[in-house]
Structure formats: C-alpha cells, structure tokens
Amino acid sequence: AGNACEHMTAVVVAMRNKMDLAVGVAVGSSLQIALLALPLNIVVGWATGHPMGLDLDPFSALALTAAVIHTTIITSDAISHWLQGVVLCAVYAIVAVTYWYR
C-alpha cells in the first residue's frame, strides 16, 4: 500500500505542476524497490532454499534498457506535456503485450 500512496502523491503533485517533487517521489519509490526490495527477496530466497537470481534473458534486458533510456529522454527537459504521458503509457502497454505473447 505504501508504494501505491507514493505513486498517487506523484500524480497529484504532477497535476499541480510541481514536476520536481513528482519526479523526486517517483524516482525515490523506484530506488526503494531497486535497492531494498529486490536484494531482500534474493537473500530471503537463498535463506529459504528457493534461489532467485538476476539472470535476465536478452529480451528482458533489452526491454529494461529501452525503458530506462526512454524515461530519461522524456524527463530530461523538465517540461511536462500530456502527450509525453500518453507516450509513456503506450510504451508500457507495448512492453506488457509483448511479454504476454512472448
């Protein structure tokens, strides 16, 4: 529930045109997952006998890299436009559908 609240906060402050706060909340939430939750899951998996690794197949690595590059390009100018949000949602949908039918 905490992550959902953070995302809702990012959306609300973005609607109020406070993009620096919105990006800060969104990036902070992503960093929490990347730096705490994922390594914690790996350690707990090892401790319980269910090994979990970060061995990504080439498609997953490419999708992750493309998502990071695309998000960096969109957010680098610190100007928001509704069409950029639509493009980000479209890319998310494309990646989701590709994973579904892969």
C-alpha atoms as a PDB file:
ATOM      1  CA  ALA A   1       0.000   0.000   0.000  1.00  0.00           C
ATOM      2  CA  GLY A   2       2.934   2.341   0.633  1.00  0.00           C
ATOM      3  CA  ASN A   3       4.097   2.279  -2.970  1.00  0.00           C
ATOM      4  CA  ALA A   4       0.580   2.980  -4.233  1.00  0.00           C
ATOM      5  CA  CYS A   5       0.383   6.025  -1.946  1.00  0.00           C
ATOM      6  CA  GLU A   6       3.703   7.292  -3.256  1.00  0.00           C
ATOM      7  CA  HIS A   7       2.540   6.911  -6.847  1.00  0.00           C
ATOM      8  CA  MET A   8      -0.717   8.700  -6.065  1.00  0.00           C
ATOM      9  CA  THR A   9       1.239  11.518  -4.450  1.00  0.00           C
ATOM     10  CA  ALA A  10       3.425  11.799  -7.556  1.00  0.00           C
ATOM     11  CA  VAL A  11       0.338  12.023  -9.775  1.00  0.00           C
ATOM     12  CA  VAL A  12      -1.356  14.633  -7.580  1.00  0.00           C
ATOM     13  CA  VAL A  13       1.683  16.915  -7.385  1.00  0.00           C
ATOM     14  CA  ALA A  14       2.302  16.493 -11.111  1.00  0.00           C
ATOM     15  CA  MET A  15      -1.269  17.653 -11.763  1.00  0.00           C
ATOM     16  CA  ARG A  16      -0.453  20.736  -9.664  1.00  0.00           C
ATOM     17  CA  ASN A  17       2.554  21.331 -11.965  1.00  0.00           C
ATOM     18  CA  LYS A  18       5.194  20.621  -9.309  1.00  0.00           C
ATOM     19  CA  MET A  19       7.297  18.409 -11.525  1.00  0.00           C
ATOM     20  CA  ASP A  20      10.442  18.449  -9.391  1.00  0.00           C
ATOM     21  CA  LEU A  21       8.521  16.972  -6.459  1.00  0.00           C
ATOM     22  CA  ALA A  22       6.662  14.497  -8.682  1.00  0.00           C
ATOM     23  CA  VAL A  23       9.866  13.204 -10.270  1.00  0.00           C
ATOM     24  CA  GLY A  24      11.553  13.066  -6.863  1.00  0.00           C
ATOM     25  CA  VAL A  25       8.751  10.950  -5.407  1.00  0.00           C
ATOM     26  CA  ALA A  26       8.653   8.630  -8.438  1.00  0.00           C
ATOM     27  CA  VAL A  27      12.428   8.171  -8.562  1.00  0.00           C
ATOM     28  CA  GLY A  28      12.606   7.659  -4.791  1.00  0.00           C
ATOM     29  CA  SER A  29       9.949   4.965  -4.990  1.00  0.00           C
ATOM     30  CA  SER A  30      11.806   3.199  -7.797  1.00  0.00           C
ATOM     31  CA  LEU A  31      15.072   3.381  -5.881  1.00  0.00           C
ATOM     32  CA  GLN A  32      13.435   1.829  -2.830  1.00  0.00           C
ATOM     33  CA  ILE A  33      12.400  -1.169  -4.893  1.00  0.00           C
ATOM     34  CA  ALA A  34      15.722  -1.450  -6.722  1.00  0.00           C
ATOM     35  CA  LEU A  35      17.975  -1.043  -3.695  1.00  0.00           C
ATOM     36  CA  LEU A  36      15.982  -2.742  -0.930  1.00  0.00           C
ATOM     37  CA  ALA A  37      13.093  -4.938  -2.017  1.00  0.00           C
ATOM     38  CA  LEU A  38      14.812  -6.836  -4.825  1.00  0.00           C
ATOM     39  CA  PRO A  39      18.032  -7.670  -2.922  1.00  0.00           C
ATOM     40  CA  LEU A  40      15.970  -8.553   0.147  1.00  0.00           C
ATOM     41  CA  ASN A  41      13.898 -11.006  -1.909  1.00  0.00           C
ATOM     42  CA  ILE A  42      17.070 -12.637  -3.216  1.00  0.00           C
ATOM     43  CA  VAL A  43      18.520 -13.051   0.291  1.00  0.00           C
ATOM     44  CA  VAL A  44      15.244 -14.421   1.664  1.00  0.00           C
ATOM     45  CA  GLY A  45      15.053 -16.817  -1.292  1.00  0.00           C
ATOM     46  CA  TRP A  46      18.536 -18.095  -0.582  1.00  0.00           C
ATOM     47  CA  ALA A  47      17.740 -18.474   3.139  1.00  0.00           C
ATOM     48  CA  THR A  48      14.564 -20.468   2.451  1.00  0.00           C
ATOM     49  CA  GLY A  49      16.089 -22.689  -0.214  1.00  0.00           C
ATOM     50  CA  HIS A  50      14.363 -21.026  -3.185  1.00  0.00           C
ATOM     51  CA  PRO A  51      17.253 -19.484  -5.111  1.00  0.00           C
ATOM     52  CA  MET A  52      16.352 -16.387  -7.062  1.00  0.00           C
ATOM     53  CA  GLY A  53      18.824 -14.666  -9.316  1.00  0.00           C
ATOM     54  CA  LEU A  54      19.042 -11.632 -11.525  1.00  0.00           C
ATOM     55  CA  ASP A  55      19.815 -13.639 -14.636  1.00  0.00           C
ATOM     56  CA  LEU A  56      17.801 -11.769 -17.283  1.00  0.00           C
ATOM     57  CA  ASP A  57      17.184 -13.172 -20.720  1.00  0.00           C
ATOM     58  CA  PRO A  58      18.195 -10.894 -23.620  1.00  0.00           C
ATOM     59  CA  PHE A  59      14.638  -9.675 -24.253  1.00  0.00           C
ATOM     60  CA  SER A  60      14.134  -8.656 -20.614  1.00  0.00           C
ATOM     61  CA  ALA A  61      17.485  -6.863 -20.525  1.00  0.00           C
ATOM     62  CA  LEU A  62      16.649  -5.030 -23.750  1.00  0.00           C
ATOM     63  CA  ALA A  63      13.190  -4.051 -22.504  1.00  0.00           C
ATOM     64  CA  LEU A  64      14.639  -2.746 -19.243  1.00  0.00           C
ATOM     65  CA  THR A  65      17.357  -0.785 -21.033  1.00  0.00           C
ATOM     66  CA  ALA A  66      14.903   0.699 -23.523  1.00  0.00           C
ATOM     67  CA  ALA A  67      12.528   1.713 -20.719  1.00  0.00           C
ATOM     68  CA  VAL A  68      15.308   3.463 -18.811  1.00  0.00           C
ATOM     69  CA  ILE A  69      16.542   5.309 -21.914  1.00  0.00           C
ATOM     70  CA  HIS A  70      13.015   6.315 -22.929  1.00  0.00           C
ATOM     71  CA  THR A  71      12.164   7.610 -19.463  1.00  0.00           C
ATOM     72  CA  THR A  72      15.449   9.528 -19.290  1.00  0.00           C
ATOM     73  CA  ILE A  73      14.763  11.206 -22.624  1.00  0.00           C
ATOM     74  CA  ILE A  74      11.198  12.112 -21.621  1.00  0.00           C
ATOM     75  CA  THR A  75      12.140  13.561 -18.227  1.00  0.00           C
ATOM     76  CA  SER A  76      15.444  15.225 -19.153  1.00  0.00           C
ATOM     77  CA  ASP A  77      13.967  18.586 -20.210  1.00  0.00           C
ATOM     78  CA  ALA A  78      11.865  19.036 -17.008  1.00  0.00           C
ATOM     79  CA  ILE A  79       8.849  20.110 -19.061  1.00  0.00           C
ATOM     80  CA  SER A  80       5.632  18.147 -18.859  1.00  0.00           C
ATOM     81  CA  HIS A  81       3.073  17.700 -21.578  1.00  0.00           C
ATOM     82  CA  TRP A  82       0.091  15.397 -21.605  1.00  0.00           C
ATOM     83  CA  LEU A  83       1.285  13.752 -24.822  1.00  0.00           C
ATOM     84  CA  GLN A  84       4.511  12.624 -23.129  1.00  0.00           C
ATOM     85  CA  GLY A  85       2.430  10.850 -20.507  1.00  0.00           C
ATOM     86  CA  VAL A  86       0.409   9.159 -23.234  1.00  0.00           C
ATOM     87  CA  VAL A  87       3.628   8.041 -24.930  1.00  0.00           C
ATOM     88  CA  LEU A  88       4.965   6.590 -21.662  1.00  0.00           C
ATOM     89  CA  CYS A  89       1.687   4.703 -21.093  1.00  0.00           C
ATOM     90  CA  ALA A  90       1.755   3.438 -24.694  1.00  0.00           C
ATOM     91  CA  VAL A  91       5.305   2.134 -24.310  1.00  0.00           C
ATOM     92  CA  TYR A  92       4.286   0.435 -21.060  1.00  0.00           C
ATOM     93  CA  ALA A  93       1.329  -1.202 -22.845  1.00  0.00           C
ATOM     94  CA  ILE A  94       3.528  -2.329 -25.748  1.00  0.00           C
ATOM     95  CA  VAL A  95       6.059  -3.934 -23.399  1.00  0.00           C
ATOM     96  CA  ALA A  96       3.249  -5.613 -21.413  1.00  0.00           C
ATOM     97  CA  VAL A  97       1.595  -7.038 -24.540  1.00  0.00           C
ATOM     98  CA  THR A  98       4.956  -8.196 -25.851  1.00  0.00           C
ATOM     99  CA  TYR A  99       5.662 -10.038 -22.609  1.00  0.00           C
ATOM    100  CA  TRP A 100       2.160 -11.547 -22.686  1.00  0.00           C
ATOM    101  CA  TYR A 101       2.565 -13.028 -26.169  1.00  0.00           C
ATOM    102  CA  ARG A 102       6.261 -13.890 -25.871  1.00  0.00           C
END
